[in-house]
Structures are given as C-alpha cells and as structure tokens.
N, C-alpha and C. Protein backbone atom coordinates (compact mmCIF):
# COMPACT_ATOMS: atom_id res chain seq x y z
N UNK A 1 0.07 6.89 9.02
CA UNK A 1 -0.78 6.89 7.84
C UNK A 1 -2.24 7.08 8.24
N UNK A 2 -2.66 6.45 9.34
CA UNK A 2 -4.05 6.61 9.76
C UNK A 2 -4.37 8.07 10.03
N UNK A 3 -3.45 8.78 10.68
CA UNK A 3 -3.68 10.20 10.97
C UNK A 3 -3.74 11.02 9.68
N UNK A 4 -2.86 10.73 8.74
CA UNK A 4 -2.85 11.44 7.45
C UNK A 4 -4.15 11.15 6.70
N UNK A 5 -4.57 9.90 6.68
CA UNK A 5 -5.81 9.52 5.98
C UNK A 5 -7.00 10.27 6.56
N UNK A 6 -7.05 10.36 7.87
CA UNK A 6 -8.16 11.06 8.52
C UNK A 6 -8.09 12.56 8.26
N UNK A 7 -6.92 13.14 8.43
CA UNK A 7 -6.75 14.59 8.26
C UNK A 7 -7.11 15.04 6.85
N UNK A 8 -6.76 14.24 5.84
CA UNK A 8 -6.96 14.63 4.44
C UNK A 8 -8.15 13.92 3.79
N UNK A 9 -8.99 13.30 4.59
CA UNK A 9 -10.21 12.65 4.10
C UNK A 9 -9.94 11.69 2.94
N UNK A 10 -8.97 10.82 3.12
CA UNK A 10 -8.64 9.83 2.10
C UNK A 10 -9.68 8.71 2.14
N UNK A 11 -9.75 7.91 1.08
CA UNK A 11 -10.71 6.80 1.04
C UNK A 11 -10.50 5.85 2.23
N UNK A 12 -11.53 5.10 2.56
CA UNK A 12 -11.46 4.16 3.68
C UNK A 12 -10.35 3.13 3.45
N UNK A 13 -9.66 2.82 4.54
CA UNK A 13 -8.55 1.86 4.48
C UNK A 13 -8.69 0.84 5.58
N UNK A 14 -8.28 -0.39 5.27
CA UNK A 14 -8.25 -1.44 6.28
C UNK A 14 -6.80 -1.61 6.72
N UNK A 15 -6.55 -1.41 8.01
CA UNK A 15 -5.21 -1.50 8.59
C UNK A 15 -4.85 -2.96 8.83
N UNK A 16 -3.67 -3.35 8.42
CA UNK A 16 -3.13 -4.71 8.57
C UNK A 16 -4.05 -5.76 7.96
N UNK A 17 -4.53 -5.46 6.77
CA UNK A 17 -5.36 -6.43 6.04
C UNK A 17 -4.51 -7.62 5.63
N UNK A 18 -5.14 -8.76 5.48
CA UNK A 18 -4.47 -9.95 4.95
C UNK A 18 -4.89 -10.09 3.49
N UNK A 19 -3.89 -10.05 2.61
CA UNK A 19 -4.13 -10.14 1.17
C UNK A 19 -3.25 -11.26 0.63
N UNK A 20 -3.87 -12.29 0.08
CA UNK A 20 -3.14 -13.45 -0.46
C UNK A 20 -2.17 -14.04 0.57
N UNK A 21 -2.58 -14.04 1.82
CA UNK A 21 -1.74 -14.60 2.88
C UNK A 21 -0.67 -13.66 3.40
N UNK A 22 -0.60 -12.44 2.87
CA UNK A 22 0.38 -11.45 3.32
C UNK A 22 -0.32 -10.38 4.14
N UNK A 23 0.29 -10.00 5.24
CA UNK A 23 -0.21 -8.84 5.98
C UNK A 23 0.32 -7.59 5.31
N UNK A 24 -0.58 -6.71 4.93
CA UNK A 24 -0.18 -5.44 4.31
C UNK A 24 -0.50 -4.32 5.30
N UNK A 25 0.19 -3.21 5.16
CA UNK A 25 -0.04 -2.11 6.08
C UNK A 25 -1.46 -1.56 5.94
N UNK A 26 -1.86 -1.25 4.71
CA UNK A 26 -3.20 -0.72 4.46
C UNK A 26 -3.71 -1.22 3.12
N UNK A 27 -4.96 -1.61 3.10
CA UNK A 27 -5.65 -1.93 1.86
C UNK A 27 -6.75 -0.89 1.70
N UNK A 28 -6.75 -0.17 0.59
CA UNK A 28 -7.81 0.79 0.34
C UNK A 28 -9.06 -0.02 0.03
N UNK A 29 -10.09 0.16 0.84
CA UNK A 29 -11.31 -0.66 0.78
C UNK A 29 -11.93 -0.62 -0.61
N UNK A 30 -12.32 -1.81 -1.07
CA UNK A 30 -12.98 -2.00 -2.37
C UNK A 30 -12.14 -1.56 -3.57
N UNK A 31 -10.81 -1.65 -3.43
CA UNK A 31 -9.90 -1.34 -4.52
C UNK A 31 -8.77 -2.38 -4.52
N UNK A 32 -7.95 -2.39 -5.56
CA UNK A 32 -6.77 -3.25 -5.55
C UNK A 32 -5.53 -2.54 -4.99
N UNK A 33 -5.73 -1.41 -4.33
CA UNK A 33 -4.60 -0.58 -3.88
C UNK A 33 -4.13 -0.99 -2.49
N UNK A 34 -2.85 -1.34 -2.42
CA UNK A 34 -2.19 -1.69 -1.16
C UNK A 34 -1.18 -0.59 -0.87
N UNK A 35 -1.21 -0.07 0.35
CA UNK A 35 -0.26 0.95 0.77
C UNK A 35 0.67 0.36 1.80
N UNK A 36 1.96 0.50 1.57
CA UNK A 36 2.97 0.02 2.51
C UNK A 36 3.78 1.21 3.01
N UNK A 37 3.99 1.27 4.31
CA UNK A 37 4.74 2.36 4.94
C UNK A 37 5.99 1.77 5.58
N UNK A 38 7.13 2.14 5.05
CA UNK A 38 8.38 1.49 5.43
C UNK A 38 9.35 2.42 6.14
N UNK A 39 9.78 2.01 7.31
CA UNK A 39 10.85 2.72 8.01
C UNK A 39 12.20 2.22 7.56
N UNK A 40 13.20 3.06 7.62
CA UNK A 40 14.55 2.72 7.18
C UNK A 40 15.15 1.59 8.00
N UNK A 41 14.99 1.64 9.31
CA UNK A 41 15.60 0.63 10.17
C UNK A 41 15.05 -0.76 9.88
N UNK A 42 13.75 -0.88 9.70
CA UNK A 42 13.13 -2.20 9.52
C UNK A 42 13.14 -2.68 8.08
N UNK A 43 13.04 -1.77 7.14
CA UNK A 43 12.87 -2.18 5.74
C UNK A 43 14.04 -1.81 4.84
N UNK A 44 14.84 -0.84 5.22
CA UNK A 44 15.95 -0.40 4.38
C UNK A 44 17.27 -1.07 4.73
N UNK A 45 17.53 -1.21 6.00
CA UNK A 45 18.81 -1.73 6.44
C UNK A 45 18.79 -3.23 6.74
N UNK A 46 17.62 -3.82 6.72
CA UNK A 46 17.48 -5.24 7.03
C UNK A 46 17.32 -6.01 5.71
N UNK A 47 18.35 -6.72 5.30
CA UNK A 47 18.37 -7.41 4.01
C UNK A 47 17.23 -8.42 3.89
N UNK A 48 16.98 -9.18 4.93
CA UNK A 48 15.93 -10.20 4.88
C UNK A 48 14.57 -9.54 4.67
N UNK A 49 14.27 -8.48 5.42
CA UNK A 49 12.99 -7.79 5.27
C UNK A 49 12.89 -7.13 3.90
N UNK A 50 13.99 -6.56 3.42
CA UNK A 50 14.03 -5.94 2.10
C UNK A 50 13.64 -6.95 1.02
N UNK A 51 14.19 -8.16 1.10
CA UNK A 51 13.87 -9.22 0.14
C UNK A 51 12.41 -9.66 0.27
N UNK A 52 11.93 -9.82 1.50
CA UNK A 52 10.54 -10.21 1.73
C UNK A 52 9.58 -9.19 1.13
N UNK A 53 9.91 -7.91 1.29
CA UNK A 53 9.06 -6.85 0.74
C UNK A 53 8.95 -6.98 -0.77
N UNK A 54 10.06 -7.25 -1.44
CA UNK A 54 10.05 -7.37 -2.90
C UNK A 54 9.29 -8.61 -3.34
N UNK A 55 9.45 -9.70 -2.61
CA UNK A 55 8.71 -10.92 -2.93
C UNK A 55 7.21 -10.69 -2.79
N UNK A 56 6.81 -10.04 -1.70
CA UNK A 56 5.40 -9.75 -1.47
C UNK A 56 4.86 -8.86 -2.58
N UNK A 57 5.60 -7.80 -2.93
CA UNK A 57 5.17 -6.91 -4.01
C UNK A 57 4.95 -7.68 -5.30
N UNK A 58 5.87 -8.57 -5.61
CA UNK A 58 5.80 -9.34 -6.85
C UNK A 58 4.55 -10.23 -6.87
N UNK A 59 4.27 -10.89 -5.77
CA UNK A 59 3.10 -11.77 -5.69
C UNK A 59 1.80 -10.96 -5.78
N UNK A 60 1.74 -9.86 -5.06
CA UNK A 60 0.52 -9.04 -5.08
C UNK A 60 0.29 -8.44 -6.46
N UNK A 61 1.35 -7.95 -7.09
CA UNK A 61 1.23 -7.36 -8.41
C UNK A 61 0.79 -8.40 -9.44
N UNK A 62 1.34 -9.58 -9.37
CA UNK A 62 0.96 -10.65 -10.29
C UNK A 62 -0.52 -11.00 -10.15
N UNK A 63 -1.08 -10.78 -8.96
CA UNK A 63 -2.49 -11.09 -8.72
C UNK A 63 -3.41 -9.90 -9.02
N UNK A 64 -2.83 -8.78 -9.46
CA UNK A 64 -3.65 -7.64 -9.85
C UNK A 64 -3.73 -6.51 -8.84
N UNK A 65 -2.98 -6.60 -7.76
CA UNK A 65 -2.97 -5.50 -6.79
C UNK A 65 -1.95 -4.45 -7.19
N UNK A 66 -2.19 -3.24 -6.76
CA UNK A 66 -1.30 -2.11 -7.01
C UNK A 66 -0.62 -1.80 -5.68
N UNK A 67 0.67 -2.04 -5.59
CA UNK A 67 1.40 -1.81 -4.34
C UNK A 67 2.09 -0.45 -4.42
N UNK A 68 1.77 0.39 -3.45
CA UNK A 68 2.35 1.73 -3.40
C UNK A 68 3.11 1.84 -2.08
N UNK A 69 4.40 2.08 -2.17
CA UNK A 69 5.24 2.16 -0.96
C UNK A 69 5.60 3.61 -0.65
N UNK A 70 5.56 3.90 0.64
CA UNK A 70 5.98 5.21 1.14
C UNK A 70 6.98 5.00 2.27
N UNK A 71 7.95 5.88 2.33
CA UNK A 71 8.88 5.81 3.45
C UNK A 71 8.30 6.58 4.63
N UNK A 72 8.69 6.15 5.81
CA UNK A 72 8.27 6.85 7.03
C UNK A 72 8.70 8.31 6.95
N UNK A 73 9.90 8.53 6.45
CA UNK A 73 10.42 9.89 6.33
C UNK A 73 9.53 10.75 5.43
N UNK A 74 9.15 10.23 4.28
CA UNK A 74 8.28 10.98 3.36
C UNK A 74 6.92 11.23 4.01
N UNK A 75 6.40 10.23 4.67
CA UNK A 75 5.08 10.33 5.31
C UNK A 75 5.07 11.41 6.40
N UNK A 76 6.14 11.49 7.16
CA UNK A 76 6.18 12.45 8.26
C UNK A 76 6.66 13.84 7.83
N UNK A 77 7.50 13.91 6.81
CA UNK A 77 8.04 15.22 6.40
C UNK A 77 7.27 15.88 5.28
N UNK A 78 6.58 15.08 4.47
CA UNK A 78 5.87 15.65 3.32
C UNK A 78 4.55 14.89 3.10
N UNK A 79 3.66 14.93 4.08
CA UNK A 79 2.42 14.16 3.95
C UNK A 79 1.56 14.58 2.77
N UNK A 80 1.63 15.84 2.36
CA UNK A 80 0.83 16.28 1.22
C UNK A 80 1.27 15.57 -0.06
N UNK A 81 2.54 15.28 -0.21
CA UNK A 81 3.04 14.53 -1.35
C UNK A 81 2.45 13.12 -1.33
N UNK A 82 2.45 12.49 -0.16
CA UNK A 82 1.89 11.15 0.00
C UNK A 82 0.41 11.17 -0.35
N UNK A 83 -0.32 12.17 0.13
CA UNK A 83 -1.75 12.29 -0.15
C UNK A 83 -1.99 12.41 -1.65
N UNK A 84 -1.19 13.20 -2.35
CA UNK A 84 -1.34 13.33 -3.81
C UNK A 84 -1.14 11.99 -4.50
N UNK A 85 -0.14 11.23 -4.08
CA UNK A 85 0.12 9.92 -4.70
C UNK A 85 -1.04 8.96 -4.43
N UNK A 86 -1.57 8.97 -3.23
CA UNK A 86 -2.70 8.10 -2.92
C UNK A 86 -3.91 8.51 -3.75
N UNK A 87 -4.18 9.78 -3.82
CA UNK A 87 -5.33 10.25 -4.62
C UNK A 87 -5.13 9.95 -6.10
N UNK A 88 -3.91 10.10 -6.61
CA UNK A 88 -3.64 9.78 -8.02
C UNK A 88 -3.91 8.30 -8.29
N UNK A 89 -3.44 7.44 -7.39
CA UNK A 89 -3.67 6.00 -7.56
C UNK A 89 -5.14 5.66 -7.42
N UNK A 90 -5.82 6.31 -6.49
CA UNK A 90 -7.24 6.05 -6.32
C UNK A 90 -8.03 6.50 -7.55
N UNK A 91 -7.64 7.64 -8.12
CA UNK A 91 -8.32 8.12 -9.34
C UNK A 91 -8.14 7.12 -10.48
N UNK A 92 -6.98 6.48 -10.55
CA UNK A 92 -6.68 5.54 -11.63
C UNK A 92 -7.26 4.15 -11.37
N UNK A 93 -7.14 3.65 -10.14
CA UNK A 93 -7.45 2.27 -9.84
C UNK A 93 -8.65 2.07 -8.92
N UNK A 94 -9.14 3.13 -8.31
CA UNK A 94 -10.18 3.00 -7.30
C UNK A 94 -11.47 2.38 -7.79
N UNK A 95 -11.83 2.65 -9.03
CA UNK A 95 -13.10 2.12 -9.54
C UNK A 95 -12.99 0.70 -10.08
N UNK A 96 -11.78 0.17 -10.15
CA UNK A 96 -11.62 -1.17 -10.72
C UNK A 96 -11.93 -2.27 -9.71
N UNK A 97 -12.04 -1.94 -8.45
CA UNK A 97 -12.36 -2.93 -7.43
C UNK A 97 -11.23 -3.90 -7.21
N UNK A 98 -11.35 -4.74 -6.18
CA UNK A 98 -10.31 -5.70 -5.92
C UNK A 98 -10.25 -6.75 -7.02
N UNK A 99 -9.06 -7.33 -7.24
CA UNK A 99 -8.93 -8.34 -8.28
C UNK A 99 -9.79 -9.56 -7.99
N UNK A 100 -10.29 -10.16 -9.04
CA UNK A 100 -11.03 -11.41 -8.90
C UNK A 100 -10.07 -12.58 -8.86
N UNK A 101 -10.59 -13.77 -8.79
CA UNK A 101 -9.70 -14.95 -8.76
C UNK A 101 -8.95 -15.08 -10.08
N UNK A 102 -7.73 -15.57 -9.98
CA UNK A 102 -6.90 -15.79 -11.15
C UNK A 102 -7.41 -17.01 -11.91
N UNK A 103 -7.71 -16.84 -13.18
CA UNK A 103 -8.20 -17.94 -14.02
C UNK A 103 -7.14 -18.27 -15.05
N UNK A 104 -6.78 -19.54 -15.11
CA UNK A 104 -5.74 -19.96 -16.07
C UNK A 104 -6.35 -20.91 -17.08
C-alpha cells in the first residue's frame, strides 16, 4: 500500500496507527478513513483473525471511522481500482476530519 500511495500521490497516511486501542494498517491523516489490507492466509482462512477484524470494524465504525478493506490480491493485481476507491472515500470523507469524542 505504501508503494501504491506514493506512486499515485494519495493523501498522507500513517502506517500502523493506533485508533481506539486497535492497530490499523493505515490511517489517512486528518480524516476518519482507515485502510486495512488483508491477505487470504492471515485474514481469510483464519477464523479467529476473521472475527477480530469484524469486531474492530464494528468498534471503529461506531466511533465514526470509515473502514475500507482491500485484499492483497486486489492491491497487487489491480492497484488502480484500489486507488479509485481510496480517492472516492477521500472525496466523501476527507474534509470531515477525524471523529471527535463520543458524547452521550
């Protein structure tokens, strides 16, 4: 993802950011956009990791983050598709900034 981000001049990203106690693959700086890059062996075939990923997505989404997942296969075989999705999400959510504290 770092190579794709650099090659296609994507917005700045923080690698392995900690968000709400979860390590995420990439956080698009100054946005609520979280990018996760999942390989089949680690995230598709491993039931425990699969469940953890869904739990993390649910918690981040409830707090106002936008979680966008890409497969390793898609990232390596069709990076332009991934770039379009990132740009689409950035166009929609990039100006909203990171979520503030949850007020109840």
